[in-house]
C-alpha cells in the first residue's frame, strides 16, 4: 500500500513538474544562438582584450582592435607597427 502511494505521488510530481522544468529549460539561451565574445590582440602593446570592449579602428576596409584609445592613436601615428 505504501509503495502504491509513493508511486502515485511520483506520477503526480512528474505530471505537474515536467512542463514547468521543460519550459524553464527552453527559456535558457542556447550556446549556438549566443554570441561568444573573443579575445583580440592589440598590435601596439601586445595585450589581449575582449572584443566587445576593444577600441576599433578601420583603415582601408580592415578593422584593427586596440585595448585603449592611446594605443589606437599610437598605431595611427605609426608607432608600434610590426
N, C-alpha and C. Protein backbone atom coordinates (compact mmCIF):
# COMPACT_ATOMS: atom_id res chain seq x y z
N UNK A 1 0.82 -1.19 0.00
CA UNK A 1 0.00 0.00 0.00
C UNK A 1 0.87 1.26 0.00
N UNK A 2 1.94 1.23 0.79
CA UNK A 2 2.83 2.37 0.86
C UNK A 2 3.50 2.61 -0.50
N UNK A 3 3.88 1.54 -1.18
CA UNK A 3 4.50 1.65 -2.49
C UNK A 3 3.57 2.25 -3.51
N UNK A 4 2.30 1.91 -3.46
CA UNK A 4 1.32 2.47 -4.38
C UNK A 4 1.14 3.97 -4.14
N UNK A 5 1.17 4.37 -2.88
CA UNK A 5 1.05 5.78 -2.54
C UNK A 5 2.28 6.55 -3.05
N UNK A 6 3.47 6.01 -2.87
CA UNK A 6 4.69 6.65 -3.37
C UNK A 6 4.68 6.74 -4.90
N UNK A 7 4.19 5.71 -5.54
CA UNK A 7 4.09 5.72 -7.00
C UNK A 7 3.11 6.79 -7.47
N UNK A 8 2.01 6.97 -6.78
CA UNK A 8 1.02 7.98 -7.14
C UNK A 8 1.60 9.38 -6.94
N UNK A 9 2.35 9.59 -5.86
CA UNK A 9 2.97 10.90 -5.61
C UNK A 9 4.02 11.20 -6.68
N UNK A 10 4.82 10.20 -7.04
CA UNK A 10 5.83 10.39 -8.07
C UNK A 10 5.19 10.70 -9.42
N UNK A 11 4.12 10.01 -9.77
CA UNK A 11 3.43 10.26 -11.03
C UNK A 11 2.85 11.66 -11.05
N UNK A 12 2.26 12.08 -9.94
CA UNK A 12 1.71 13.43 -9.84
C UNK A 12 2.81 14.48 -9.99
N UNK A 13 3.93 14.25 -9.35
CA UNK A 13 5.04 15.20 -9.43
C UNK A 13 5.55 15.31 -10.87
N UNK A 14 5.64 14.19 -11.55
CA UNK A 14 6.10 14.21 -12.94
C UNK A 14 5.11 14.97 -13.82
N UNK A 15 3.85 14.72 -13.65
CA UNK A 15 2.82 15.37 -14.47
C UNK A 15 2.80 16.87 -14.21
N UNK A 16 2.99 17.29 -12.98
CA UNK A 16 2.92 18.71 -12.64
C UNK A 16 4.24 19.42 -12.92
N UNK A 17 5.36 18.81 -12.54
CA UNK A 17 6.65 19.47 -12.64
C UNK A 17 7.29 19.39 -14.01
N UNK A 18 7.01 18.37 -14.78
CA UNK A 18 7.68 18.21 -16.07
C UNK A 18 7.45 19.40 -17.01
N UNK A 19 6.21 19.88 -17.19
CA UNK A 19 6.03 21.06 -18.07
C UNK A 19 6.75 22.30 -17.54
N UNK A 20 6.79 22.47 -16.23
CA UNK A 20 7.49 23.62 -15.66
C UNK A 20 8.98 23.55 -15.92
N UNK A 21 9.57 22.38 -15.71
CA UNK A 21 11.00 22.21 -15.95
C UNK A 21 11.33 22.32 -17.43
N UNK A 22 10.47 21.80 -18.27
CA UNK A 22 10.71 21.87 -19.71
C UNK A 22 10.64 23.31 -20.20
N UNK A 23 9.67 24.07 -19.71
CA UNK A 23 9.56 25.48 -20.08
C UNK A 23 10.74 26.28 -19.58
N UNK A 24 11.22 25.98 -18.40
CA UNK A 24 12.40 26.68 -17.85
C UNK A 24 13.62 26.39 -18.71
N UNK A 25 13.77 25.14 -19.12
CA UNK A 25 14.92 24.76 -19.94
C UNK A 25 14.86 25.41 -21.31
N UNK A 26 13.68 25.59 -21.87
CA UNK A 26 13.56 26.20 -23.19
C UNK A 26 13.85 27.69 -23.16
N UNK A 27 13.69 28.32 -22.01
CA UNK A 27 13.96 29.75 -21.91
C UNK A 27 15.44 30.07 -21.79
N UNK A 28 16.25 29.10 -21.47
CA UNK A 28 17.68 29.34 -21.38
C UNK A 28 18.26 29.56 -22.76
N UNK A 29 19.19 30.51 -22.92
CA UNK A 29 19.78 30.73 -24.24
C UNK A 29 20.68 29.56 -24.61
N UNK A 30 20.56 29.13 -25.83
CA UNK A 30 21.39 28.02 -26.27
C UNK A 30 22.76 28.55 -26.67
N UNK A 31 23.80 27.78 -26.48
CA UNK A 31 25.14 28.25 -26.83
C UNK A 31 25.30 28.58 -28.31
N UNK A 32 24.55 27.91 -29.17
CA UNK A 32 24.70 28.17 -30.60
C UNK A 32 24.11 29.53 -30.99
N UNK A 33 23.09 29.99 -30.29
CA UNK A 33 22.48 31.27 -30.59
C UNK A 33 23.21 32.43 -29.92
N UNK A 34 23.88 32.14 -28.85
CA UNK A 34 24.57 33.16 -28.07
C UNK A 34 25.88 33.56 -28.75
N UNK A 35 26.09 34.83 -28.89
CA UNK A 35 27.34 35.30 -29.49
C UNK A 35 28.43 35.25 -28.44
N UNK A 36 29.44 34.50 -28.72
CA UNK A 36 30.54 34.39 -27.78
C UNK A 36 31.55 35.50 -28.05
N UNK A 37 31.99 36.12 -26.98
CA UNK A 37 32.99 37.16 -27.11
C UNK A 37 34.35 36.52 -27.20
N UNK A 38 35.19 37.07 -28.03
CA UNK A 38 36.51 36.51 -28.24
C UNK A 38 37.57 37.54 -27.87
N UNK A 39 38.77 37.07 -27.70
CA UNK A 39 39.89 37.95 -27.40
C UNK A 39 40.59 38.35 -28.68
N UNK A 40 40.98 39.62 -28.73
CA UNK A 40 41.77 40.12 -29.86
C UNK A 40 43.06 40.71 -29.30
N UNK A 41 44.10 40.67 -30.11
CA UNK A 41 45.40 41.14 -29.66
C UNK A 41 45.67 42.56 -30.16
N UNK A 42 46.05 43.41 -29.24
CA UNK A 42 46.42 44.78 -29.56
C UNK A 42 47.78 44.76 -30.25
N UNK A 43 47.90 45.33 -31.46
CA UNK A 43 49.18 45.28 -32.17
C UNK A 43 50.25 46.20 -31.58
N UNK A 44 49.87 47.14 -30.73
CA UNK A 44 50.83 48.07 -30.17
C UNK A 44 51.45 47.51 -28.89
N UNK A 45 50.62 47.22 -27.90
CA UNK A 45 51.16 46.79 -26.61
C UNK A 45 51.12 45.27 -26.43
N UNK A 46 50.61 44.55 -27.42
CA UNK A 46 50.60 43.09 -27.44
C UNK A 46 49.75 42.47 -26.33
N UNK A 47 48.77 43.20 -25.80
CA UNK A 47 47.87 42.64 -24.80
C UNK A 47 46.61 42.13 -25.49
N UNK A 48 45.90 41.26 -24.80
CA UNK A 48 44.64 40.74 -25.31
C UNK A 48 43.49 41.47 -24.63
N UNK A 49 42.48 41.77 -25.41
CA UNK A 49 41.32 42.49 -24.90
C UNK A 49 40.06 41.82 -25.46
N UNK A 50 39.00 41.86 -24.67
CA UNK A 50 37.72 41.30 -25.09
C UNK A 50 37.17 42.15 -26.23
N UNK A 51 36.71 41.50 -27.28
CA UNK A 51 36.27 42.19 -28.50
C UNK A 51 35.19 43.23 -28.22
N UNK A 52 34.27 42.93 -27.33
CA UNK A 52 33.18 43.89 -27.06
C UNK A 52 33.68 45.14 -26.36
N UNK A 53 34.84 45.10 -25.74
CA UNK A 53 35.39 46.27 -25.05
C UNK A 53 36.55 46.91 -25.80
N UNK A 54 36.92 46.35 -26.92
CA UNK A 54 38.07 46.85 -27.66
C UNK A 54 37.72 48.12 -28.42
N UNK A 55 38.73 48.95 -28.63
CA UNK A 55 38.59 50.15 -29.45
C UNK A 55 38.87 49.72 -30.89
N UNK A 56 37.92 50.02 -31.77
CA UNK A 56 38.04 49.56 -33.16
C UNK A 56 38.38 50.73 -34.06
N UNK A 57 39.35 50.50 -34.92
CA UNK A 57 39.72 51.49 -35.94
C UNK A 57 39.78 50.76 -37.28
N UNK A 58 39.23 51.40 -38.31
CA UNK A 58 39.26 50.81 -39.65
C UNK A 58 40.17 51.62 -40.54
N UNK A 59 40.93 50.88 -41.33
CA UNK A 59 41.81 51.54 -42.30
C UNK A 59 41.83 50.66 -43.54
N UNK A 60 41.45 51.22 -44.66
CA UNK A 60 41.41 50.51 -45.94
C UNK A 60 40.52 49.26 -45.87
N UNK A 61 39.41 49.38 -45.13
CA UNK A 61 38.47 48.27 -45.03
C UNK A 61 38.86 47.17 -44.08
N UNK A 62 39.98 47.32 -43.38
CA UNK A 62 40.44 46.32 -42.43
C UNK A 62 40.28 46.87 -41.02
N UNK A 63 39.62 46.09 -40.16
CA UNK A 63 39.42 46.52 -38.77
C UNK A 63 40.60 46.06 -37.93
N UNK A 64 41.07 46.98 -37.07
CA UNK A 64 42.12 46.67 -36.12
C UNK A 64 41.59 47.02 -34.75
N UNK A 65 41.87 46.19 -33.76
CA UNK A 65 41.34 46.38 -32.42
C UNK A 65 42.45 46.69 -31.44
N UNK A 66 42.14 47.59 -30.49
CA UNK A 66 43.12 48.05 -29.51
C UNK A 66 42.54 47.98 -28.11
N UNK A 67 43.44 47.99 -27.13
CA UNK A 67 42.99 47.93 -25.73
C UNK A 67 42.56 49.30 -25.24
N UNK A 68 43.04 50.38 -25.86
CA UNK A 68 42.70 51.72 -25.42
C UNK A 68 42.82 52.69 -26.59
N UNK A 69 42.30 53.89 -26.38
CA UNK A 69 42.42 54.92 -27.41
C UNK A 69 43.86 55.38 -27.56
N UNK A 70 44.63 55.30 -26.46
CA UNK A 70 46.04 55.68 -26.53
C UNK A 70 46.79 54.77 -27.50
N UNK A 71 46.55 53.47 -27.40
CA UNK A 71 47.21 52.53 -28.32
C UNK A 71 46.73 52.74 -29.74
N UNK A 72 45.45 53.03 -29.92
CA UNK A 72 44.93 53.29 -31.26
C UNK A 72 45.58 54.54 -31.86
N UNK A 73 45.77 55.57 -31.04
CA UNK A 73 46.41 56.80 -31.53
C UNK A 73 47.88 56.55 -31.87
N UNK A 74 48.55 55.78 -31.03
CA UNK A 74 49.95 55.45 -31.31
C UNK A 74 50.07 54.67 -32.62
N UNK A 75 49.16 53.75 -32.84
CA UNK A 75 49.16 52.97 -34.08
C UNK A 75 48.90 53.88 -35.28
N UNK A 76 48.00 54.85 -35.11
CA UNK A 76 47.70 55.80 -36.19
C UNK A 76 48.89 56.68 -36.55
N UNK A 77 49.74 56.96 -35.56
CA UNK A 77 50.95 57.76 -35.81
C UNK A 77 52.09 56.92 -36.35
N UNK A 78 51.89 55.62 -36.44
CA UNK A 78 52.93 54.73 -36.97
C UNK A 78 53.79 54.10 -35.91
N UNK A 79 53.52 54.35 -34.65
CA UNK A 79 54.29 53.76 -33.57
C UNK A 79 53.77 52.35 -33.27
N UNK A 80 54.65 51.46 -32.99
CA UNK A 80 54.26 50.12 -32.57
C UNK A 80 53.82 49.20 -33.67
N UNK A 81 53.98 49.58 -34.90
CA UNK A 81 53.60 48.68 -36.00
C UNK A 81 54.70 47.66 -36.20
N UNK A 82 54.27 46.43 -36.43
CA UNK A 82 55.26 45.35 -36.62
C UNK A 82 55.69 45.27 -38.06
